[in-house]
Amino acid sequence: MSHSSLITGPERRRRWRDDEKHAILMAAFSPGAIVVEVARQYEISTSLIYKWRSEAMAMAAQTTGEFVPAVIVEDPPDSLTRWS
């Protein structure tokens, strides 16, 4: 038997705290987990879980400062020094 939640008042959307989002993401993407089942358990859409994952990954990339390592070459190859 399923149930539904009625949200009354001017605010119709639920607000999720960061720790709640983190717990849901950990549950959804743990080994053997099925995202659809986790979404049903928390009564949210699967697209919201994937959106939160994208945002978390983007934030992680910003905080780690991912850079491409520079390669320094002492002498340029011969093909670059000739202008024939």
PDB file of N, CA and C in Angstrom:
ATOM      1  N   MET A   1       0.849  -1.175   0.000  1.00  0.00           N
ATOM      2  CA  MET A   1       0.000   0.000   0.000  1.00  0.00           C
ATOM      3  C   MET A   1       0.892   1.235   0.000  1.00  0.00           C
ATOM      4  N   SER A   2       0.594   2.158  -0.837  1.00  0.00           N
ATOM      5  CA  SER A   2       1.409   3.372  -0.907  1.00  0.00           C
ATOM      6  C   SER A   2       0.743   4.492  -0.121  1.00  0.00           C
ATOM      7  N   HIS A   3       1.518   5.494   0.153  1.00  0.00           N
ATOM      8  CA  HIS A   3       0.982   6.667   0.837  1.00  0.00           C
ATOM      9  C   HIS A   3       1.485   7.912   0.140  1.00  0.00           C
ATOM     10  N   SER A   4       0.851   9.006   0.392  1.00  0.00           N
ATOM     11  CA  SER A   4       1.284  10.270  -0.194  1.00  0.00           C
ATOM     12  C   SER A   4       1.320  11.331   0.891  1.00  0.00           C
ATOM     13  N   SER A   5       2.142  12.335   0.652  1.00  0.00           N
ATOM     14  CA  SER A   5       2.280  13.433   1.608  1.00  0.00           C
ATOM     15  C   SER A   5       1.600  14.662   1.050  1.00  0.00           C
ATOM     16  N   LEU A   6       0.854  15.329   1.876  1.00  0.00           N
ATOM     17  CA  LEU A   6       0.201  16.561   1.479  1.00  0.00           C
ATOM     18  C   LEU A   6       0.973  17.716   2.090  1.00  0.00           C
ATOM     19  N   ILE A   7       1.494  18.569   1.238  1.00  0.00           N
ATOM     20  CA  ILE A   7       2.244  19.727   1.702  1.00  0.00           C
ATOM     21  C   ILE A   7       1.322  20.927   1.594  1.00  0.00           C
ATOM     22  N   THR A   8       1.009  21.529   2.723  1.00  0.00           N
ATOM     23  CA  THR A   8       0.093  22.665   2.736  1.00  0.00           C
ATOM     24  C   THR A   8       0.859  23.943   3.021  1.00  0.00           C
ATOM     25  N   GLY A   9       0.228  25.044   2.807  1.00  0.00           N
ATOM     26  CA  GLY A   9       0.853  26.333   3.077  1.00  0.00           C
ATOM     27  C   GLY A   9       1.455  26.929   1.822  1.00  0.00           C
ATOM     28  N   PRO A  10       2.058  28.094   1.965  1.00  0.00           N
ATOM     29  CA  PRO A  10       2.588  28.784   0.789  1.00  0.00           C
ATOM     30  C   PRO A  10       3.798  28.068   0.174  1.00  0.00           C
ATOM     31  N   GLU A  11       4.570  27.337   0.977  1.00  0.00           N
ATOM     32  CA  GLU A  11       5.738  26.639   0.461  1.00  0.00           C
ATOM     33  C   GLU A  11       5.350  25.221   0.068  1.00  0.00           C
ATOM     34  N   ARG A  12       5.372  24.921  -1.227  1.00  0.00           N
ATOM     35  CA  ARG A  12       4.940  23.614  -1.693  1.00  0.00           C
ATOM     36  C   ARG A  12       6.106  22.678  -1.948  1.00  0.00           C
ATOM     37  N   ARG A  13       7.317  23.207  -2.020  1.00  0.00           N
ATOM     38  CA  ARG A  13       8.470  22.362  -2.281  1.00  0.00           C
ATOM     39  C   ARG A  13       9.170  22.016  -0.984  1.00  0.00           C
ATOM     40  N   ARG A  14       9.688  20.804  -0.938  1.00  0.00           N
ATOM     41  CA  ARG A  14      10.449  20.408   0.229  1.00  0.00           C
ATOM     42  C   ARG A  14      11.859  20.975   0.126  1.00  0.00           C
ATOM     43  N   ARG A  15      12.430  21.261   1.248  1.00  0.00           N
ATOM     44  CA  ARG A  15      13.805  21.748   1.315  1.00  0.00           C
ATOM     45  C   ARG A  15      14.658  20.635   1.900  1.00  0.00           C
ATOM     46  N   TRP A  16      15.746  20.332   1.250  1.00  0.00           N
ATOM     47  CA  TRP A  16      16.645  19.288   1.709  1.00  0.00           C
ATOM     48  C   TRP A  16      17.921  19.922   2.239  1.00  0.00           C
ATOM     49  N   ARG A  17      18.303  19.544   3.445  1.00  0.00           N
ATOM     50  CA  ARG A  17      19.564  20.015   4.006  1.00  0.00           C
ATOM     51  C   ARG A  17      20.713  19.288   3.314  1.00  0.00           C
ATOM     52  N   ASP A  18      21.900  19.880   3.371  1.00  0.00           N
ATOM     53  CA  ASP A  18      23.054  19.276   2.715  1.00  0.00           C
ATOM     54  C   ASP A  18      23.363  17.884   3.244  1.00  0.00           C
ATOM     55  N   ASP A  19      23.216  17.688   4.557  1.00  0.00           N
ATOM     56  CA  ASP A  19      23.493  16.359   5.111  1.00  0.00           C
ATOM     57  C   ASP A  19      22.459  15.326   4.655  1.00  0.00           C
ATOM     58  N   GLU A  20      21.218  15.764   4.431  1.00  0.00           N
ATOM     59  CA  GLU A  20      20.190  14.860   3.907  1.00  0.00           C
ATOM     60  C   GLU A  20      20.505  14.483   2.454  1.00  0.00           C
ATOM     61  N   LYS A  21      20.906  15.478   1.662  1.00  0.00           N
ATOM     62  CA  LYS A  21      21.274  15.207   0.276  1.00  0.00           C
ATOM     63  C   LYS A  21      22.432  14.224   0.213  1.00  0.00           C
ATOM     64  N   HIS A  22      23.425  14.451   1.068  1.00  0.00           N
ATOM     65  CA  HIS A  22      24.601  13.586   1.093  1.00  0.00           C
ATOM     66  C   HIS A  22      24.203  12.152   1.440  1.00  0.00           C
ATOM     67  N   ALA A  23      23.341  11.987   2.431  1.00  0.00           N
ATOM     68  CA  ALA A  23      22.896  10.652   2.827  1.00  0.00           C
ATOM     69  C   ALA A  23      22.137   9.958   1.692  1.00  0.00           C
ATOM     70  N   ILE A  24      21.309  10.702   0.985  1.00  0.00           N
ATOM     71  CA  ILE A  24      20.554  10.130  -0.131  1.00  0.00           C
ATOM     72  C   ILE A  24      21.496   9.740  -1.260  1.00  0.00           C
ATOM     73  N   LEU A  25      22.465  10.589  -1.563  1.00  0.00           N
ATOM     74  CA  LEU A  25      23.430  10.269  -2.612  1.00  0.00           C
ATOM     75  C   LEU A  25      24.256   9.050  -2.243  1.00  0.00           C
ATOM     76  N   MET A  26      24.670   8.954  -0.991  1.00  0.00           N
ATOM     77  CA  MET A  26      25.453   7.795  -0.555  1.00  0.00           C
ATOM     78  C   MET A  26      24.617   6.519  -0.676  1.00  0.00           C
ATOM     79  N   ALA A  27      23.344   6.607  -0.340  1.00  0.00           N
ATOM     80  CA  ALA A  27      22.467   5.437  -0.449  1.00  0.00           C
ATOM     81  C   ALA A  27      22.226   5.061  -1.907  1.00  0.00           C
ATOM     82  N   ALA A  28      22.056   6.060  -2.760  1.00  0.00           N
ATOM     83  CA  ALA A  28      21.730   5.809  -4.165  1.00  0.00           C
ATOM     84  C   ALA A  28      22.907   5.254  -4.948  1.00  0.00           C
ATOM     85  N   PHE A  29      24.118   5.657  -4.615  1.00  0.00           N
ATOM     86  CA  PHE A  29      25.275   5.261  -5.405  1.00  0.00           C
ATOM     87  C   PHE A  29      26.229   4.341  -4.654  1.00  0.00           C
ATOM     88  N   SER A  30      25.729   3.698  -3.607  1.00  0.00           N
ATOM     89  CA  SER A  30      26.529   2.684  -2.935  1.00  0.00           C
ATOM     90  C   SER A  30      26.501   1.411  -3.787  1.00  0.00           C
ATOM     91  N   PRO A  31      27.502   0.548  -3.635  1.00  0.00           N
ATOM     92  CA  PRO A  31      27.539  -0.672  -4.450  1.00  0.00           C
ATOM     93  C   PRO A  31      26.274  -1.518  -4.265  1.00  0.00           C
ATOM     94  N   GLY A  32      25.681  -1.895  -5.378  1.00  0.00           N
ATOM     95  CA  GLY A  32      24.485  -2.730  -5.357  1.00  0.00           C
ATOM     96  C   GLY A  32      23.180  -1.973  -5.203  1.00  0.00           C
ATOM     97  N   ALA A  33      23.250  -0.674  -5.001  1.00  0.00           N
ATOM     98  CA  ALA A  33      22.028   0.114  -4.822  1.00  0.00           C
ATOM     99  C   ALA A  33      21.357   0.369  -6.170  1.00  0.00           C
ATOM    100  N   ILE A  34      20.053   0.535  -6.128  1.00  0.00           N
ATOM    101  CA  ILE A  34      19.270   0.872  -7.316  1.00  0.00           C
ATOM    102  C   ILE A  34      18.665   2.244  -7.073  1.00  0.00           C
ATOM    103  N   VAL A  35      19.004   3.190  -7.937  1.00  0.00           N
ATOM    104  CA  VAL A  35      18.611   4.587  -7.755  1.00  0.00           C
ATOM    105  C   VAL A  35      17.095   4.725  -7.659  1.00  0.00           C
ATOM    106  N   VAL A  36      16.375   3.986  -8.468  1.00  0.00           N
ATOM    107  CA  VAL A  36      14.912   4.081  -8.460  1.00  0.00           C
ATOM    108  C   VAL A  36      14.347   3.692  -7.092  1.00  0.00           C
ATOM    109  N   GLU A  37      14.905   2.656  -6.493  1.00  0.00           N
ATOM    110  CA  GLU A  37      14.417   2.218  -5.190  1.00  0.00           C
ATOM    111  C   GLU A  37      14.722   3.246  -4.099  1.00  0.00           C
ATOM    112  N   VAL A  38      15.899   3.848  -4.167  1.00  0.00           N
ATOM    113  CA  VAL A  38      16.257   4.889  -3.195  1.00  0.00           C
ATOM    114  C   VAL A  38      15.346   6.098  -3.375  1.00  0.00           C
ATOM    115  N   ALA A  39      15.068   6.461  -4.619  1.00  0.00           N
ATOM    116  CA  ALA A  39      14.171   7.590  -4.885  1.00  0.00           C
ATOM    117  C   ALA A  39      12.774   7.317  -4.319  1.00  0.00           C
ATOM    118  N   ARG A  40      12.293   6.113  -4.477  1.00  0.00           N
ATOM    119  CA  ARG A  40      10.981   5.762  -3.916  1.00  0.00           C
ATOM    120  C   ARG A  40      10.996   5.825  -2.392  1.00  0.00           C
ATOM    121  N   GLN A  41      12.089   5.354  -1.809  1.00  0.00           N
ATOM    122  CA  GLN A  41      12.197   5.351  -0.347  1.00  0.00           C
ATOM    123  C   GLN A  41      12.111   6.762   0.212  1.00  0.00           C
ATOM    124  N   TYR A  42      12.764   7.721  -0.448  1.00  0.00           N
ATOM    125  CA  TYR A  42      12.773   9.113   0.026  1.00  0.00           C
ATOM    126  C   TYR A  42      11.692   9.971  -0.617  1.00  0.00           C
ATOM    127  N   GLU A  43      10.898   9.353  -1.497  1.00  0.00           N
ATOM    128  CA  GLU A  43       9.809  10.034  -2.189  1.00  0.00           C
ATOM    129  C   GLU A  43      10.282  11.250  -2.975  1.00  0.00           C
ATOM    130  N   ILE A  44      11.316  11.037  -3.775  1.00  0.00           N
ATOM    131  CA  ILE A  44      11.812  12.080  -4.674  1.00  0.00           C
ATOM    132  C   ILE A  44      12.006  11.467  -6.052  1.00  0.00           C
ATOM    133  N   SER A  45      12.178  12.305  -7.041  1.00  0.00           N
ATOM    134  CA  SER A  45      12.368  11.798  -8.399  1.00  0.00           C
ATOM    135  C   SER A  45      13.825  11.393  -8.609  1.00  0.00           C
ATOM    136  N   THR A  46      14.011  10.452  -9.508  1.00  0.00           N
ATOM    137  CA  THR A  46      15.374  10.015  -9.814  1.00  0.00           C
ATOM    138  C   THR A  46      16.179  11.145 -10.442  1.00  0.00           C
ATOM    139  N   SER A  47      15.507  11.999 -11.202  1.00  0.00           N
ATOM    140  CA  SER A  47      16.230  13.102 -11.839  1.00  0.00           C
ATOM    141  C   SER A  47      16.815  14.058 -10.807  1.00  0.00           C
ATOM    142  N   LEU A  48      16.157  14.212  -9.677  1.00  0.00           N
ATOM    143  CA  LEU A  48      16.686  15.076  -8.626  1.00  0.00           C
ATOM    144  C   LEU A  48      17.950  14.469  -8.028  1.00  0.00           C
ATOM    145  N   ILE A  49      17.963  13.163  -7.868  1.00  0.00           N
ATOM    146  CA  ILE A  49      19.169  12.496  -7.358  1.00  0.00           C
ATOM    147  C   ILE A  49      20.334  12.700  -8.321  1.00  0.00           C
ATOM    148  N   TYR A  50      20.087  12.521  -9.605  1.00  0.00           N
ATOM    149  CA  TYR A  50      21.152  12.714 -10.598  1.00  0.00           C
ATOM    150  C   TYR A  50      21.593  14.182 -10.658  1.00  0.00           C
ATOM    151  N   LYS A  51      20.668  15.097 -10.482  1.00  0.00           N
ATOM    152  CA  LYS A  51      21.009  16.523 -10.463  1.00  0.00           C
ATOM    153  C   LYS A  51      21.922  16.827  -9.274  1.00  0.00           C
ATOM    154  N   TRP A  52      21.558  16.298  -8.095  1.00  0.00           N
ATOM    155  CA  TRP A  52      22.399  16.503  -6.914  1.00  0.00           C
ATOM    156  C   TRP A  52      23.785  15.908  -7.114  1.00  0.00           C
ATOM    157  N   ARG A  53      23.855  14.747  -7.774  1.00  0.00           N
ATOM    158  CA  ARG A  53      25.163  14.127  -8.028  1.00  0.00           C
ATOM    159  C   ARG A  53      25.995  15.010  -8.953  1.00  0.00           C
ATOM    160  N   SER A  54      25.382  15.550  -9.997  1.00  0.00           N
ATOM    161  CA  SER A  54      26.108  16.443 -10.915  1.00  0.00           C
ATOM    162  C   SER A  54      26.619  17.672 -10.183  1.00  0.00           C
ATOM    163  N   GLU A  55      25.776  18.252  -9.346  1.00  0.00           N
ATOM    164  CA  GLU A  55      26.191  19.432  -8.586  1.00  0.00           C
ATOM    165  C   GLU A  55      27.322  19.104  -7.622  1.00  0.00           C
ATOM    166  N   ALA A  56      27.248  17.955  -6.978  1.00  0.00           N
ATOM    167  CA  ALA A  56      28.300  17.548  -6.042  1.00  0.00           C
ATOM    168  C   ALA A  56      29.612  17.313  -6.764  1.00  0.00           C
ATOM    169  N   MET A  57      29.543  16.712  -7.936  1.00  0.00           N
ATOM    170  CA  MET A  57      30.759  16.467  -8.715  1.00  0.00           C
ATOM    171  C   MET A  57      31.362  17.774  -9.208  1.00  0.00           C
ATOM    172  N   ALA A  58      30.519  18.719  -9.601  1.00  0.00           N
ATOM    173  CA  ALA A  58      31.008  20.021 -10.052  1.00  0.00           C
ATOM    174  C   ALA A  58      31.675  20.773  -8.901  1.00  0.00           C
ATOM    175  N   MET A  59      31.065  20.700  -7.726  1.00  0.00           N
ATOM    176  CA  MET A  59      31.657  21.360  -6.550  1.00  0.00           C
ATOM    177  C   MET A  59      32.999  20.719  -6.182  1.00  0.00           C
ATOM    178  N   ALA A  60      33.080  19.409  -6.282  1.00  0.00           N
ATOM    179  CA  ALA A  60      34.328  18.717  -5.975  1.00  0.00           C
ATOM    180  C   ALA A  60      35.421  19.107  -6.959  1.00  0.00           C
ATOM    181  N   ALA A  61      35.057  19.261  -8.223  1.00  0.00           N
ATOM    182  CA  ALA A  61      36.039  19.649  -9.228  1.00  0.00           C
ATOM    183  C   ALA A  61      36.541  21.069  -8.983  1.00  0.00           C
ATOM    184  N   GLN A  62      35.658  21.948  -8.514  1.00  0.00           N
ATOM    185  CA  GLN A  62      36.066  23.327  -8.235  1.00  0.00           C
ATOM    186  C   GLN A  62      36.983  23.402  -7.020  1.00  0.00           C
ATOM    187  N   THR A  63      36.704  22.611  -6.011  1.00  0.00           N
ATOM    188  CA  THR A  63      37.496  22.690  -4.783  1.00  0.00           C
ATOM    189  C   THR A  63      38.843  22.007  -4.915  1.00  0.00           C
ATOM    190  N   THR A  64      38.947  20.986  -5.781  1.00  0.00           N
ATOM    191  CA  THR A  64      40.231  20.312  -5.937  1.00  0.00           C
ATOM    192  C   THR A  64      41.138  21.058  -6.901  1.00  0.00           C
ATOM    193  N   GLY A  65      40.579  21.920  -7.728  1.00  0.00           N
ATOM    194  CA  GLY A  65      41.394  22.684  -8.670  1.00  0.00           C
ATOM    195  C   GLY A  65      42.107  21.787  -9.659  1.00  0.00           C
ATOM    196  N   GLU A  66      41.356  21.048 -10.416  1.00  0.00           N
ATOM    197  CA  GLU A  66      41.947  20.123 -11.367  1.00  0.00           C
ATOM    198  C   GLU A  66      42.663  20.891 -12.468  1.00  0.00           C
ATOM    199  N   PHE A  67      43.957  20.635 -12.600  1.00  0.00           N
ATOM    200  CA  PHE A  67      44.772  21.262 -13.626  1.00  0.00           C
ATOM    201  C   PHE A  67      45.429  20.191 -14.472  1.00  0.00           C
ATOM    202  N   VAL A  68      45.782  20.572 -15.665  1.00  0.00           N
ATOM    203  CA  VAL A  68      46.530  19.676 -16.534  1.00  0.00           C
ATOM    204  C   VAL A  68      48.005  19.935 -16.273  1.00  0.00           C
ATOM    205  N   PRO A  69      48.793  18.889 -16.042  1.00  0.00           N
ATOM    206  CA  PRO A  69      50.212  19.119 -15.765  1.00  0.00           C
ATOM    207  C   PRO A  69      50.936  19.674 -16.987  1.00  0.00           C
ATOM    208  N   ALA A  70      51.844  20.583 -16.738  1.00  0.00           N
ATOM    209  CA  ALA A  70      52.642  21.176 -17.815  1.00  0.00           C
ATOM    210  C   ALA A  70      53.846  20.302 -18.099  1.00  0.00           C
ATOM    211  N   VAL A  71      54.211  20.210 -19.388  1.00  0.00           N
ATOM    212  CA  VAL A  71      55.388  19.450 -19.795  1.00  0.00           C
ATOM    213  C   VAL A  71      56.366  20.438 -20.392  1.00  0.00           C
ATOM    214  N   ILE A  72      57.575  20.481 -19.828  1.00  0.00           N
ATOM    215  CA  ILE A  72      58.599  21.399 -20.311  1.00  0.00           C
ATOM    216  C   ILE A  72      59.564  20.630 -21.199  1.00  0.00           C
ATOM    217  N   VAL A  73      59.771  21.150 -22.414  1.00  0.00           N
ATOM    218  CA  VAL A  73      60.658  20.509 -23.375  1.00  0.00           C
ATOM    219  C   VAL A  73      61.898  21.371 -23.506  1.00  0.00           C
ATOM    220  N   GLU A  74      63.059  20.765 -23.341  1.00  0.00           N
ATOM    221  CA  GLU A  74      64.328  21.501 -23.425  1.00  0.00           C
ATOM    222  C   GLU A  74      64.568  22.027 -24.837  1.00  0.00           C
ATOM    223  N   ASP A  75      64.595  21.138 -25.822  1.00  0.00           N
ATOM    224  CA  ASP A  75      64.855  21.531 -27.207  1.00  0.00           C
ATOM    225  C   ASP A  75      63.638  21.187 -28.063  1.00  0.00           C
ATOM    226  N   PRO A  76      63.200  22.122 -28.906  1.00  0.00           N
ATOM    227  CA  PRO A  76      62.066  21.804 -29.774  1.00  0.00           C
ATOM    228  C   PRO A  76      62.467  20.749 -30.804  1.00  0.00           C
ATOM    229  N   PRO A  77      61.519  19.973 -31.288  1.00  0.00           N
ATOM    230  CA  PRO A  77      61.839  18.989 -32.332  1.00  0.00           C
ATOM    231  C   PRO A  77      62.352  19.687 -33.589  1.00  0.00           C
ATOM    232  N   ASP A  78      63.174  18.990 -34.393  1.00  0.00           N
ATOM    233  CA  ASP A  78      63.765  19.562 -35.609  1.00  0.00           C
ATOM    234  C   ASP A  78      62.709  20.051 -36.593  1.00  0.00           C
ATOM    235  N   SER A  79      61.579  19.405 -36.647  1.00  0.00           N
ATOM    236  CA  SER A  79      60.544  19.808 -37.611  1.00  0.00           C
ATOM    237  C   SER A  79      59.975  21.197 -37.289  1.00  0.00           C
ATOM    238  N   LEU A  80      60.071  21.638 -36.043  1.00  0.00           N
ATOM    239  CA  LEU A  80      59.552  22.946 -35.682  1.00  0.00           C
ATOM    240  C   LEU A  80      60.571  24.057 -35.908  1.00  0.00           C
ATOM    241  N   THR A  81      61.847  23.735 -36.017  1.00  0.00           N
ATOM    242  CA  THR A  81      62.871  24.773 -36.181  1.00  0.00           C
ATOM    243  C   THR A  81      63.130  25.097 -37.645  1.00  0.00           C
ATOM    244  N   ARG A  82      62.713  24.289 -38.567  1.00  0.00           N
ATOM    245  CA  ARG A  82      62.963  24.547 -40.004  1.00  0.00           C
ATOM    246  C   ARG A  82      61.742  25.195 -40.638  1.00  0.00           C
ATOM    247  N   TRP A  83      61.978  26.195 -41.438  1.00  0.00           N
ATOM    248  CA  TRP A  83      60.898  26.883 -42.165  1.00  0.00           C
ATOM    249  C   TRP A  83      61.125  26.719 -43.656  1.00  0.00           C
ATOM    250  N   SER A  84      61.128  25.550 -44.180  1.00  0.00           N
ATOM    251  CA  SER A  84      61.416  25.373 -45.594  1.00  0.00           C
ATOM    252  C   SER A  84      60.213  25.436 -46.458  1.00  0.00           C
TER     253      SER A  84
END
